[in-house]
C-alpha atoms as a PDB file:
ATOM      1  CA  UNK A   1      12.896   0.326  -2.123  1.00  0.00           C
ATOM      2  CA  UNK A   2      14.974   1.383   0.839  1.00  0.00           C
ATOM      3  CA  UNK A   3      15.041   5.093   1.594  1.00  0.00           C
ATOM      4  CA  UNK A   4      12.327   6.262  -0.785  1.00  0.00           C
ATOM      5  CA  UNK A   5       9.565   6.417   1.863  1.00  0.00           C
ATOM      6  CA  UNK A   6       7.334   4.003  -0.053  1.00  0.00           C
ATOM      7  CA  UNK A   7       5.571   2.648   3.054  1.00  0.00           C
ATOM      8  CA  UNK A   8       5.100   6.032   4.706  1.00  0.00           C
ATOM      9  CA  UNK A   9       3.752   7.537   1.504  1.00  0.00           C
ATOM     10  CA  UNK A  10       1.522   4.508   0.878  1.00  0.00           C
ATOM     11  CA  UNK A  11       0.028   5.092   4.326  1.00  0.00           C
ATOM     12  CA  UNK A  12      -0.594   8.767   3.536  1.00  0.00           C
ATOM     13  CA  UNK A  13      -2.189   7.889   0.190  1.00  0.00           C
ATOM     14  CA  UNK A  14      -4.309   5.164   1.785  1.00  0.00           C
ATOM     15  CA  UNK A  15      -5.517   7.492   4.525  1.00  0.00           C
ATOM     16  CA  UNK A  16      -6.315  10.244   2.000  1.00  0.00           C
ATOM     17  CA  UNK A  17      -8.441   7.712   0.077  1.00  0.00           C
ATOM     18  CA  UNK A  18     -10.181   6.623   3.311  1.00  0.00           C
ATOM     19  CA  UNK A  19      -8.742   3.117   3.030  1.00  0.00           C
ATOM     20  CA  UNK A  20      -8.036   0.904   6.023  1.00  0.00           C
ATOM     21  CA  UNK A  21      -5.284  -1.693   6.243  1.00  0.00           C
ATOM     22  CA  UNK A  22      -1.525  -1.927   6.381  1.00  0.00           C
ATOM     23  CA  UNK A  23       1.726  -1.802   4.410  1.00  0.00           C
ATOM     24  CA  UNK A  24       5.037  -3.499   5.275  1.00  0.00           C
ATOM     25  CA  UNK A  25       8.387  -4.603   3.909  1.00  0.00           C
ATOM     26  CA  UNK A  26       8.753  -8.330   3.343  1.00  0.00           C
ATOM     27  CA  UNK A  27      11.859 -10.333   4.264  1.00  0.00           C
ATOM     28  CA  UNK A  28      12.822 -10.524   0.585  1.00  0.00           C
ATOM     29  CA  UNK A  29      12.829  -6.732   0.197  1.00  0.00           C
ATOM     30  CA  UNK A  30       9.442  -6.254  -1.427  1.00  0.00           C
ATOM     31  CA  UNK A  31       6.522  -4.215  -0.132  1.00  0.00           C
ATOM     32  CA  UNK A  32       3.213  -5.864   0.794  1.00  0.00           C
ATOM     33  CA  UNK A  33      -0.073  -4.122   1.528  1.00  0.00           C
ATOM     34  CA  UNK A  34      -3.565  -5.283   2.432  1.00  0.00           C
ATOM     35  CA  UNK A  35      -6.278  -2.649   2.269  1.00  0.00           C
ATOM     36  CA  UNK A  36     -10.043  -2.393   2.254  1.00  0.00           C
ATOM     37  CA  UNK A  37     -12.348   0.361   1.099  1.00  0.00           C
ATOM     38  CA  UNK A  38     -14.486   1.436  -1.820  1.00  0.00           C
ATOM     39  CA  UNK A  39     -13.746  -0.012  -5.249  1.00  0.00           C
ATOM     40  CA  UNK A  40     -12.897   3.441  -6.612  1.00  0.00           C
ATOM     41  CA  UNK A  41     -10.465   4.166  -3.768  1.00  0.00           C
ATOM     42  CA  UNK A  42      -8.860   0.737  -4.147  1.00  0.00           C
ATOM     43  CA  UNK A  43      -8.284   1.341  -7.852  1.00  0.00           C
ATOM     44  CA  UNK A  44      -6.706   4.726  -7.107  1.00  0.00           C
ATOM     45  CA  UNK A  45      -4.434   3.131  -4.505  1.00  0.00           C
ATOM     46  CA  UNK A  46      -3.399   0.408  -6.959  1.00  0.00           C
ATOM     47  CA  UNK A  47      -2.561   3.036  -9.572  1.00  0.00           C
ATOM     48  CA  UNK A  48      -0.461   4.920  -7.036  1.00  0.00           C
ATOM     49  CA  UNK A  49       1.313   1.671  -6.073  1.00  0.00           C
ATOM     50  CA  UNK A  50       2.312   1.161  -9.718  1.00  0.00           C
ATOM     51  CA  UNK A  51       4.328   4.416  -9.526  1.00  0.00           C
ATOM     52  CA  UNK A  52       5.120   4.849  -5.827  1.00  0.00           C
ATOM     53  CA  UNK A  53       6.717   7.983  -4.416  1.00  0.00           C
ATOM     54  CA  UNK A  54       8.934  10.184  -6.550  1.00  0.00           C
ATOM     55  CA  UNK A  55      12.252   8.360  -6.004  1.00  0.00           C
ATOM     56  CA  UNK A  56      10.847   4.824  -6.132  1.00  0.00           C
ATOM     57  CA  UNK A  57      11.504   2.395  -8.935  1.00  0.00           C
ATOM     58  CA  UNK A  58       8.544   0.009  -9.213  1.00  0.00           C
ATOM     59  CA  UNK A  59       9.171  -2.915 -11.521  1.00  0.00           C
ATOM     60  CA  UNK A  60       5.812  -4.629 -11.063  1.00  0.00           C
ATOM     61  CA  UNK A  61       2.949  -5.125  -8.666  1.00  0.00           C
ATOM     62  CA  UNK A  62       0.706  -8.111  -8.047  1.00  0.00           C
ATOM     63  CA  UNK A  63      -2.918  -7.506  -7.109  1.00  0.00           C
ATOM     64  CA  UNK A  64      -4.909 -10.274  -5.462  1.00  0.00           C
ATOM     65  CA  UNK A  65      -8.478 -10.155  -4.199  1.00  0.00           C
ATOM     66  CA  UNK A  66      -9.014 -11.768  -0.827  1.00  0.00           C
ATOM     67  CA  UNK A  67     -11.941 -12.017   1.536  1.00  0.00           C
ATOM     68  CA  UNK A  68     -12.451  -8.571   3.020  1.00  0.00           C
ATOM     69  CA  UNK A  69     -10.795  -7.916   6.333  1.00  0.00           C
ATOM     70  CA  UNK A  70     -11.890  -5.200   8.735  1.00  0.00           C
ATOM     71  CA  UNK A  71      -9.267  -2.726   9.920  1.00  0.00           C
ATOM     72  CA  UNK A  72      -9.577   0.257  12.246  1.00  0.00           C
ATOM     73  CA  UNK A  73      -6.993   2.418  10.501  1.00  0.00           C
ATOM     74  CA  UNK A  74      -4.122   2.370   8.019  1.00  0.00           C
ATOM     75  CA  UNK A  75      -0.704   1.647   9.456  1.00  0.00           C
ATOM     76  CA  UNK A  76       2.862   0.818   8.595  1.00  0.00           C
ATOM     77  CA  UNK A  77       3.916  -2.519  10.056  1.00  0.00           C
ATOM     78  CA  UNK A  78       7.559  -2.649  10.974  1.00  0.00           C
ATOM     79  CA  UNK A  79       9.251  -5.962  10.821  1.00  0.00           C
END
């Protein structure tokens, strides 16, 4: 996913949906994100993640529910 602005665009989408959390690249080259917000906004974010930004190629995503975490904003974590 290098060079397609997936993380930056995920942050923009998350902020537009009033979600809080983070997005980062993993050591194995995948993208990981933990977000909290309304169920509707979370579903919209998940749908966006399935496609990603225009130049991204998304093969699959895994969605896992975890105990809600509280975040102050939505940020990109750099490794």
